[in-house]
């Protein structure tokens, strides 16, 4: 009976310990994901900078929807997000989408 009572008393404690371990593991995975996302973002930025240098460009415009939402838009407190896309038009603009895709295919 005493062993059963001890086991019954330990179950809630064991459950809390298991939850704490899972929470720690989840936080570690989330940190790893953020680091991986940052590495991917840095790689893409580097490739875009390479294309900008090759084409003597001063400015690169990327898809701001993904960029802003990637920075956790809601934490900025700017209100509800309304997706809006409009073309960028200019006298000396270049669309480097295909070149960027080719750069991304050349990942080693």
C-alpha atoms as a PDB file:
ATOM      1  CA  UNK A   1       0.000   0.000   0.000  1.00  0.00           C
ATOM      2  CA  UNK A   2       2.788   2.421   0.837  1.00  0.00           C
ATOM      3  CA  UNK A   3       4.471   1.809  -2.518  1.00  0.00           C
ATOM      4  CA  UNK A   4       1.184   2.468  -4.321  1.00  0.00           C
ATOM      5  CA  UNK A   5       0.650   5.669  -2.321  1.00  0.00           C
ATOM      6  CA  UNK A   6       4.163   6.851  -3.150  1.00  0.00           C
ATOM      7  CA  UNK A   7       3.593   6.083  -6.847  1.00  0.00           C
ATOM      8  CA  UNK A   8       0.292   7.962  -6.789  1.00  0.00           C
ATOM      9  CA  UNK A   9       1.943  10.938  -5.088  1.00  0.00           C
ATOM     10  CA  UNK A  10       4.807  10.944  -7.633  1.00  0.00           C
ATOM     11  CA  UNK A  11       2.581  10.929 -10.756  1.00  0.00           C
ATOM     12  CA  UNK A  12       1.770  14.683 -10.698  1.00  0.00           C
ATOM     13  CA  UNK A  13       5.394  15.526  -9.964  1.00  0.00           C
ATOM     14  CA  UNK A  14       6.605  13.249 -12.760  1.00  0.00           C
ATOM     15  CA  UNK A  15       4.069  14.818 -15.120  1.00  0.00           C
ATOM     16  CA  UNK A  16       5.353  18.317 -14.284  1.00  0.00           C
ATOM     17  CA  UNK A  17       8.950  17.167 -14.789  1.00  0.00           C
ATOM     18  CA  UNK A  18       8.067  15.631 -18.152  1.00  0.00           C
ATOM     19  CA  UNK A  19       6.293  18.834 -19.221  1.00  0.00           C
ATOM     20  CA  UNK A  20       9.293  20.918 -18.154  1.00  0.00           C
ATOM     21  CA  UNK A  21      11.619  18.684 -20.207  1.00  0.00           C
ATOM     22  CA  UNK A  22       9.333  18.954 -23.233  1.00  0.00           C
ATOM     23  CA  UNK A  23       9.091  22.715 -22.852  1.00  0.00           C
ATOM     24  CA  UNK A  24      12.877  23.005 -22.687  1.00  0.00           C
ATOM     25  CA  UNK A  25      13.238  20.778 -25.753  1.00  0.00           C
ATOM     26  CA  UNK A  26      10.649  22.865 -27.617  1.00  0.00           C
ATOM     27  CA  UNK A  27      12.428  26.121 -26.753  1.00  0.00           C
ATOM     28  CA  UNK A  28      15.693  24.616 -27.967  1.00  0.00           C
ATOM     29  CA  UNK A  29      14.079  23.578 -31.277  1.00  0.00           C
ATOM     30  CA  UNK A  30      12.541  27.030 -31.722  1.00  0.00           C
ATOM     31  CA  UNK A  31      15.953  28.610 -31.158  1.00  0.00           C
ATOM     32  CA  UNK A  32      17.503  26.223 -33.688  1.00  0.00           C
ATOM     33  CA  UNK A  33      14.776  27.113 -36.199  1.00  0.00           C
ATOM     34  CA  UNK A  34      15.381  30.844 -35.748  1.00  0.00           C
ATOM     35  CA  UNK A  35      19.120  30.345 -36.264  1.00  0.00           C
ATOM     36  CA  UNK A  36      18.484  28.301 -39.397  1.00  0.00           C
ATOM     37  CA  UNK A  37      16.053  30.914 -40.726  1.00  0.00           C
ATOM     38  CA  UNK A  38      18.683  33.602 -40.107  1.00  0.00           C
ATOM     39  CA  UNK A  39      21.331  31.563 -41.953  1.00  0.00           C
ATOM     40  CA  UNK A  40      18.982  31.120 -44.908  1.00  0.00           C
ATOM     41  CA  UNK A  41      18.109  34.827 -44.896  1.00  0.00           C
ATOM     42  CA  UNK A  42      21.808  35.772 -44.740  1.00  0.00           C
ATOM     43  CA  UNK A  43      22.582  33.402 -47.626  1.00  0.00           C
ATOM     44  CA  UNK A  44      19.831  34.912 -49.763  1.00  0.00           C
ATOM     45  CA  UNK A  45      20.990  38.434 -48.893  1.00  0.00           C
ATOM     46  CA  UNK A  46      24.529  37.529 -49.888  1.00  0.00           C
ATOM     47  CA  UNK A  47      23.392  36.131 -53.215  1.00  0.00           C
ATOM     48  CA  UNK A  48      21.239  39.202 -53.866  1.00  0.00           C
ATOM     49  CA  UNK A  49      24.187  41.452 -53.013  1.00  0.00           C
ATOM     50  CA  UNK A  50      26.325  39.501 -55.493  1.00  0.00           C
ATOM     51  CA  UNK A  51      23.768  40.104 -58.241  1.00  0.00           C
ATOM     52  CA  UNK A  52      23.528  43.767 -57.283  1.00  0.00           C
ATOM     53  CA  UNK A  53      27.289  44.104 -57.599  1.00  0.00           C
ATOM     54  CA  UNK A  54      27.364  42.317 -60.949  1.00  0.00           C
ATOM     55  CA  UNK A  55      24.645  44.588 -62.355  1.00  0.00           C
ATOM     56  CA  UNK A  56      25.942  47.768 -60.632  1.00  0.00           C
ATOM     57  CA  UNK A  57      22.678  48.251 -58.738  1.00  0.00           C
ATOM     58  CA  UNK A  58      22.144  50.559 -55.778  1.00  0.00           C
ATOM     59  CA  UNK A  59      18.912  49.072 -54.467  1.00  0.00           C
ATOM     60  CA  UNK A  60      17.291  45.662 -54.313  1.00  0.00           C
ATOM     61  CA  UNK A  61      13.588  45.372 -53.552  1.00  0.00           C
ATOM     62  CA  UNK A  62      12.410  42.012 -52.289  1.00  0.00           C
ATOM     63  CA  UNK A  63       8.941  40.784 -51.434  1.00  0.00           C
ATOM     64  CA  UNK A  64       8.109  42.931 -48.396  1.00  0.00           C
ATOM     65  CA  UNK A  65       5.193  40.721 -47.371  1.00  0.00           C
ATOM     66  CA  UNK A  66       7.415  37.793 -46.501  1.00  0.00           C
ATOM     67  CA  UNK A  67      10.073  40.049 -45.002  1.00  0.00           C
ATOM     68  CA  UNK A  68       7.721  41.923 -42.674  1.00  0.00           C
ATOM     69  CA  UNK A  69       5.772  38.860 -41.631  1.00  0.00           C
ATOM     70  CA  UNK A  70       9.084  37.074 -41.058  1.00  0.00           C
ATOM     71  CA  UNK A  71       9.909  39.768 -38.506  1.00  0.00           C
ATOM     72  CA  UNK A  72       6.775  38.956 -36.504  1.00  0.00           C
ATOM     73  CA  UNK A  73       4.650  41.839 -37.756  1.00  0.00           C
ATOM     74  CA  UNK A  74       2.198  41.655 -34.856  1.00  0.00           C
ATOM     75  CA  UNK A  75       4.939  42.434 -32.330  1.00  0.00           C
ATOM     76  CA  UNK A  76       5.377  45.859 -33.956  1.00  0.00           C
ATOM     77  CA  UNK A  77       1.850  46.914 -32.959  1.00  0.00           C
ATOM     78  CA  UNK A  78       1.087  48.429 -36.367  1.00  0.00           C
ATOM     79  CA  UNK A  79      -2.443  47.046 -36.640  1.00  0.00           C
ATOM     80  CA  UNK A  80      -3.891  44.257 -38.736  1.00  0.00           C
ATOM     81  CA  UNK A  81      -1.849  43.043 -41.696  1.00  0.00           C
ATOM     82  CA  UNK A  82      -3.414  43.619 -45.109  1.00  0.00           C
ATOM     83  CA  UNK A  83      -1.495  41.973 -47.897  1.00  0.00           C
ATOM     84  CA  UNK A  84      -0.865  44.391 -50.734  1.00  0.00           C
ATOM     85  CA  UNK A  85       1.318  43.761 -53.735  1.00  0.00           C
ATOM     86  CA  UNK A  86       2.087  46.306 -56.388  1.00  0.00           C
ATOM     87  CA  UNK A  87       4.627  46.230 -59.182  1.00  0.00           C
ATOM     88  CA  UNK A  88       7.811  48.256 -58.932  1.00  0.00           C
ATOM     89  CA  UNK A  89       8.271  50.330 -62.063  1.00  0.00           C
ATOM     90  CA  UNK A  90      11.185  52.541 -62.888  1.00  0.00           C
ATOM     91  CA  UNK A  91      13.286  53.786 -65.753  1.00  0.00           C
ATOM     92  CA  UNK A  92      16.354  51.700 -64.978  1.00  0.00           C
ATOM     93  CA  UNK A  93      14.875  48.746 -63.130  1.00  0.00           C
ATOM     94  CA  UNK A  94      15.844  45.142 -63.646  1.00  0.00           C
ATOM     95  CA  UNK A  95      13.908  42.041 -62.698  1.00  0.00           C
ATOM     96  CA  UNK A  96      16.522  39.669 -61.347  1.00  0.00           C
ATOM     97  CA  UNK A  97      14.069  36.990 -60.258  1.00  0.00           C
ATOM     98  CA  UNK A  98      15.274  34.406 -62.769  1.00  0.00           C
ATOM     99  CA  UNK A  99      18.930  35.123 -62.006  1.00  0.00           C
ATOM    100  CA  UNK A 100      18.219  34.847 -58.284  1.00  0.00           C
ATOM    101  CA  UNK A 101      16.456  31.532 -58.827  1.00  0.00           C
ATOM    102  CA  UNK A 102      19.470  30.319 -60.797  1.00  0.00           C
ATOM    103  CA  UNK A 103      21.751  31.439 -57.953  1.00  0.00           C
ATOM    104  CA  UNK A 104      19.620  29.514 -55.490  1.00  0.00           C
ATOM    105  CA  UNK A 105      19.815  26.389 -57.674  1.00  0.00           C
ATOM    106  CA  UNK A 106      23.607  26.609 -57.517  1.00  0.00           C
ATOM    107  CA  UNK A 107      23.670  25.975 -53.777  1.00  0.00           C
ATOM    108  CA  UNK A 108      26.515  23.641 -52.937  1.00  0.00           C
END
